[in-house]
Amino acid sequence: MKEGIHPEYREVVFLDQQTGNKFISRSTLNSRETIELDGKTYPLFKCDVTSESHPFYTGAQTRIVETGRVEKFRARFARTTGTTRKAS
């Protein structure tokens, strides 16, 4: 490997701003902010969404989809209420 052409690969703290959850991962990310965690100082990156707060991972998205399905079902069968088929 050539010297001086690769970014610094180090531990970085990622903070989910919606839930307050913090986790440490390795990254080449540069950040001006730092945070002290477990007696060590790490660069800090503030995330808007992570798997802890995203609706796809929390299951909130499926509730929205299910609600839409129930409404579609009711709308479809509301039109056929009261109609009966004649036997041949």
N, C-alpha and C. Protein backbone atom coordinates (compact mmCIF):
# COMPACT_ATOMS: atom_id res chain seq x y z
N MET A 1 0.84 -1.19 0.00
CA MET A 1 0.00 0.00 0.00
C MET A 1 0.87 1.24 0.00
N LYS A 2 0.43 2.24 -0.73
CA LYS A 2 1.16 3.49 -0.75
C LYS A 2 0.87 4.28 0.51
N GLU A 3 1.84 4.96 1.02
CA GLU A 3 1.68 5.78 2.22
C GLU A 3 1.03 7.11 1.86
N GLY A 4 0.16 7.61 2.74
CA GLY A 4 -0.39 8.95 2.63
C GLY A 4 -1.54 9.13 1.66
N ILE A 5 -2.03 8.07 1.01
CA ILE A 5 -3.14 8.26 0.08
C ILE A 5 -4.46 7.70 0.62
N HIS A 6 -4.42 6.97 1.71
CA HIS A 6 -5.61 6.35 2.27
C HIS A 6 -6.16 7.18 3.43
N PRO A 7 -7.50 7.31 3.53
CA PRO A 7 -8.07 8.06 4.66
C PRO A 7 -7.89 7.29 5.96
N GLU A 8 -7.94 8.02 7.05
CA GLU A 8 -7.78 7.41 8.38
C GLU A 8 -9.03 6.60 8.72
N TYR A 9 -8.83 5.34 9.03
CA TYR A 9 -9.92 4.42 9.37
C TYR A 9 -9.91 4.26 10.89
N ARG A 10 -10.97 4.72 11.56
CA ARG A 10 -10.98 4.75 13.02
C ARG A 10 -12.39 4.52 13.54
N GLU A 11 -12.50 4.41 14.87
CA GLU A 11 -13.80 4.23 15.50
C GLU A 11 -14.52 5.57 15.59
N VAL A 12 -15.81 5.57 15.25
CA VAL A 12 -16.65 6.77 15.26
C VAL A 12 -17.95 6.43 15.98
N VAL A 13 -18.47 7.38 16.77
CA VAL A 13 -19.76 7.19 17.44
C VAL A 13 -20.84 7.79 16.55
N PHE A 14 -21.87 6.98 16.27
CA PHE A 14 -23.03 7.43 15.51
C PHE A 14 -24.18 7.61 16.49
N LEU A 15 -24.83 8.78 16.45
CA LEU A 15 -25.92 9.13 17.36
C LEU A 15 -27.20 9.27 16.57
N ASP A 16 -28.21 8.46 16.89
CA ASP A 16 -29.53 8.57 16.28
C ASP A 16 -30.26 9.69 17.00
N GLN A 17 -30.55 10.77 16.31
CA GLN A 17 -31.15 11.94 16.97
C GLN A 17 -32.60 11.72 17.35
N GLN A 18 -33.29 10.78 16.73
CA GLN A 18 -34.69 10.53 17.08
C GLN A 18 -34.83 9.71 18.35
N THR A 19 -33.94 8.73 18.54
CA THR A 19 -34.05 7.85 19.70
C THR A 19 -32.99 8.11 20.76
N GLY A 20 -31.90 8.79 20.40
CA GLY A 20 -30.82 9.01 21.35
C GLY A 20 -29.87 7.83 21.46
N ASN A 21 -30.08 6.80 20.64
CA ASN A 21 -29.24 5.61 20.65
C ASN A 21 -27.87 5.93 20.08
N LYS A 22 -26.81 5.44 20.74
CA LYS A 22 -25.43 5.64 20.28
C LYS A 22 -24.80 4.29 20.01
N PHE A 23 -24.04 4.22 18.93
CA PHE A 23 -23.27 3.00 18.68
C PHE A 23 -21.94 3.37 18.04
N ILE A 24 -20.95 2.52 18.27
CA ILE A 24 -19.60 2.74 17.76
C ILE A 24 -19.38 1.82 16.57
N SER A 25 -18.84 2.41 15.51
CA SER A 25 -18.49 1.65 14.32
C SER A 25 -17.20 2.23 13.76
N ARG A 26 -16.55 1.48 12.92
CA ARG A 26 -15.32 1.98 12.29
C ARG A 26 -15.69 2.66 10.99
N SER A 27 -15.05 3.82 10.73
CA SER A 27 -15.38 4.61 9.55
C SER A 27 -14.22 5.53 9.20
N THR A 28 -14.25 6.05 7.99
CA THR A 28 -13.27 7.06 7.55
C THR A 28 -13.88 8.45 7.65
N LEU A 29 -15.03 8.56 8.26
CA LEU A 29 -15.77 9.81 8.38
C LEU A 29 -14.98 10.87 9.15
N ASN A 30 -14.99 12.10 8.64
CA ASN A 30 -14.38 13.22 9.36
C ASN A 30 -15.47 14.02 10.03
N SER A 31 -15.25 14.39 11.28
CA SER A 31 -16.25 15.15 12.03
C SER A 31 -15.56 16.16 12.94
N ARG A 32 -16.17 17.32 13.06
CA ARG A 32 -15.63 18.34 13.96
C ARG A 32 -16.07 18.10 15.40
N GLU A 33 -17.19 17.42 15.57
CA GLU A 33 -17.71 17.17 16.91
C GLU A 33 -17.10 15.89 17.48
N THR A 34 -16.92 15.89 18.79
CA THR A 34 -16.42 14.70 19.48
C THR A 34 -17.32 14.41 20.67
N ILE A 35 -17.22 13.19 21.16
CA ILE A 35 -17.98 12.78 22.33
C ILE A 35 -17.10 11.84 23.15
N GLU A 36 -17.26 11.92 24.47
CA GLU A 36 -16.52 11.02 25.34
C GLU A 36 -17.45 9.89 25.74
N LEU A 37 -17.01 8.68 25.49
CA LEU A 37 -17.82 7.50 25.77
C LEU A 37 -16.90 6.44 26.35
N ASP A 38 -17.24 5.93 27.51
CA ASP A 38 -16.43 4.92 28.20
C ASP A 38 -15.00 5.37 28.43
N GLY A 39 -14.82 6.66 28.71
CA GLY A 39 -13.50 7.19 29.02
C GLY A 39 -12.62 7.48 27.81
N LYS A 40 -13.13 7.27 26.61
CA LYS A 40 -12.37 7.56 25.40
C LYS A 40 -13.10 8.63 24.59
N THR A 41 -12.36 9.43 23.84
CA THR A 41 -12.94 10.46 23.00
C THR A 41 -13.02 9.95 21.56
N TYR A 42 -14.21 10.06 20.99
CA TYR A 42 -14.47 9.60 19.63
C TYR A 42 -15.04 10.75 18.80
N PRO A 43 -14.84 10.72 17.48
CA PRO A 43 -15.56 11.65 16.61
C PRO A 43 -17.06 11.29 16.66
N LEU A 44 -17.92 12.29 16.52
CA LEU A 44 -19.37 12.09 16.62
C LEU A 44 -20.03 12.42 15.30
N PHE A 45 -20.90 11.51 14.83
CA PHE A 45 -21.72 11.76 13.65
C PHE A 45 -23.17 11.62 14.06
N LYS A 46 -23.98 12.67 13.80
CA LYS A 46 -25.40 12.67 14.16
C LYS A 46 -26.22 12.21 12.97
N CYS A 47 -26.94 11.11 13.16
CA CYS A 47 -27.77 10.52 12.10
C CYS A 47 -29.22 10.94 12.31
N ASP A 48 -29.91 11.21 11.21
CA ASP A 48 -31.34 11.50 11.28
C ASP A 48 -32.14 10.21 11.46
N VAL A 49 -31.74 9.17 10.76
CA VAL A 49 -32.48 7.90 10.79
C VAL A 49 -31.48 6.75 10.85
N THR A 50 -31.78 5.79 11.73
CA THR A 50 -31.02 4.54 11.77
C THR A 50 -32.03 3.40 11.82
N SER A 51 -31.54 2.19 11.95
CA SER A 51 -32.45 1.04 12.03
C SER A 51 -33.29 1.08 13.30
N GLU A 52 -32.87 1.83 14.31
CA GLU A 52 -33.64 1.95 15.55
C GLU A 52 -34.88 2.83 15.38
N SER A 53 -34.84 3.75 14.40
CA SER A 53 -35.95 4.70 14.28
C SER A 53 -36.65 4.66 12.92
N HIS A 54 -36.13 3.93 11.95
CA HIS A 54 -36.74 3.90 10.62
C HIS A 54 -38.00 3.03 10.65
N PRO A 55 -39.10 3.51 10.06
CA PRO A 55 -40.37 2.76 10.10
C PRO A 55 -40.27 1.35 9.52
N PHE A 56 -39.43 1.14 8.53
CA PHE A 56 -39.30 -0.20 7.95
C PHE A 56 -38.80 -1.20 8.98
N TYR A 57 -37.83 -0.81 9.80
CA TYR A 57 -37.25 -1.71 10.77
C TYR A 57 -38.04 -1.78 12.07
N THR A 58 -38.77 -0.73 12.40
CA THR A 58 -39.53 -0.73 13.66
C THR A 58 -40.90 -1.37 13.50
N GLY A 59 -41.36 -1.58 12.26
CA GLY A 59 -42.66 -2.19 12.02
C GLY A 59 -43.77 -1.19 11.84
N ALA A 60 -43.52 0.09 11.99
CA ALA A 60 -44.56 1.11 11.83
C ALA A 60 -45.05 1.15 10.40
N GLN A 61 -44.19 0.86 9.45
CA GLN A 61 -44.58 0.89 8.05
C GLN A 61 -45.60 -0.20 7.75
N THR A 62 -45.45 -1.38 8.33
CA THR A 62 -46.40 -2.45 8.07
C THR A 62 -47.76 -2.12 8.64
N ARG A 63 -47.81 -1.41 9.76
CA ARG A 63 -49.11 -1.01 10.30
C ARG A 63 -49.83 -0.06 9.35
N ILE A 64 -49.09 0.83 8.71
CA ILE A 64 -49.68 1.76 7.76
C ILE A 64 -50.21 0.98 6.56
N VAL A 65 -49.45 0.03 6.07
CA VAL A 65 -49.86 -0.77 4.92
C VAL A 65 -51.09 -1.59 5.28
N GLU A 66 -51.12 -2.20 6.47
CA GLU A 66 -52.27 -2.99 6.88
C GLU A 66 -53.51 -2.13 6.99
N THR A 67 -53.37 -0.92 7.51
CA THR A 67 -54.52 -0.02 7.62
C THR A 67 -55.07 0.28 6.23
N GLY A 68 -54.20 0.51 5.28
CA GLY A 68 -54.63 0.76 3.91
C GLY A 68 -55.35 -0.43 3.32
N ARG A 69 -54.91 -1.63 3.62
CA ARG A 69 -55.55 -2.85 3.11
C ARG A 69 -56.96 -3.00 3.66
N VAL A 70 -57.14 -2.73 4.93
CA VAL A 70 -58.46 -2.83 5.54
C VAL A 70 -59.41 -1.83 4.91
N GLU A 71 -58.93 -0.61 4.70
CA GLU A 71 -59.78 0.41 4.07
C GLU A 71 -60.15 0.02 2.65
N LYS A 72 -59.21 -0.55 1.90
CA LYS A 72 -59.52 -1.01 0.54
C LYS A 72 -60.56 -2.12 0.57
N PHE A 73 -60.41 -3.05 1.50
CA PHE A 73 -61.36 -4.15 1.63
C PHE A 73 -62.76 -3.63 1.91
N ARG A 74 -62.87 -2.73 2.87
CA ARG A 74 -64.18 -2.18 3.22
C ARG A 74 -64.80 -1.41 2.05
N ALA A 75 -63.98 -0.64 1.35
CA ALA A 75 -64.49 0.13 0.21
C ALA A 75 -64.96 -0.80 -0.91
N ARG A 76 -64.24 -1.87 -1.15
CA ARG A 76 -64.60 -2.80 -2.22
C ARG A 76 -65.90 -3.53 -1.91
N PHE A 77 -66.06 -3.99 -0.68
CA PHE A 77 -67.24 -4.76 -0.33
C PHE A 77 -68.40 -3.91 0.15
N ALA A 78 -68.20 -2.63 0.34
CA ALA A 78 -69.30 -1.73 0.68
C ALA A 78 -70.22 -1.57 -0.53
N ARG A 79 -69.66 -1.66 -1.72
CA ARG A 79 -70.45 -1.53 -2.95
C ARG A 79 -71.35 -2.74 -3.15
N THR A 80 -70.92 -3.93 -2.67
CA THR A 80 -71.69 -5.14 -2.93
C THR A 80 -72.62 -5.48 -1.78
N THR A 81 -72.69 -4.67 -0.77
CA THR A 81 -73.56 -4.97 0.37
C THR A 81 -75.01 -4.87 -0.08
N GLY A 82 -75.76 -5.89 0.26
CA GLY A 82 -77.19 -5.89 -0.08
C GLY A 82 -77.51 -6.55 -1.40
N THR A 83 -76.55 -6.84 -2.20
CA THR A 83 -76.82 -7.53 -3.47
C THR A 83 -76.66 -9.02 -3.27
N THR A 84 -77.53 -9.75 -3.89
CA THR A 84 -77.47 -11.21 -3.80
C THR A 84 -77.48 -11.79 -5.22
N ARG A 85 -76.89 -12.92 -5.34
CA ARG A 85 -76.87 -13.60 -6.63
C ARG A 85 -78.04 -14.58 -6.71
N LYS A 86 -78.61 -14.63 -7.87
CA LYS A 86 -79.71 -15.58 -8.06
C LYS A 86 -79.16 -16.92 -8.47
N ALA A 87 -79.73 -17.99 -7.91
CA ALA A 87 -79.28 -19.33 -8.24
C ALA A 87 -79.84 -19.71 -9.61
N SER A 88 -79.10 -20.41 -10.41
CA SER A 88 -79.55 -20.82 -11.75
C SER A 88 -80.41 -22.05 -11.70
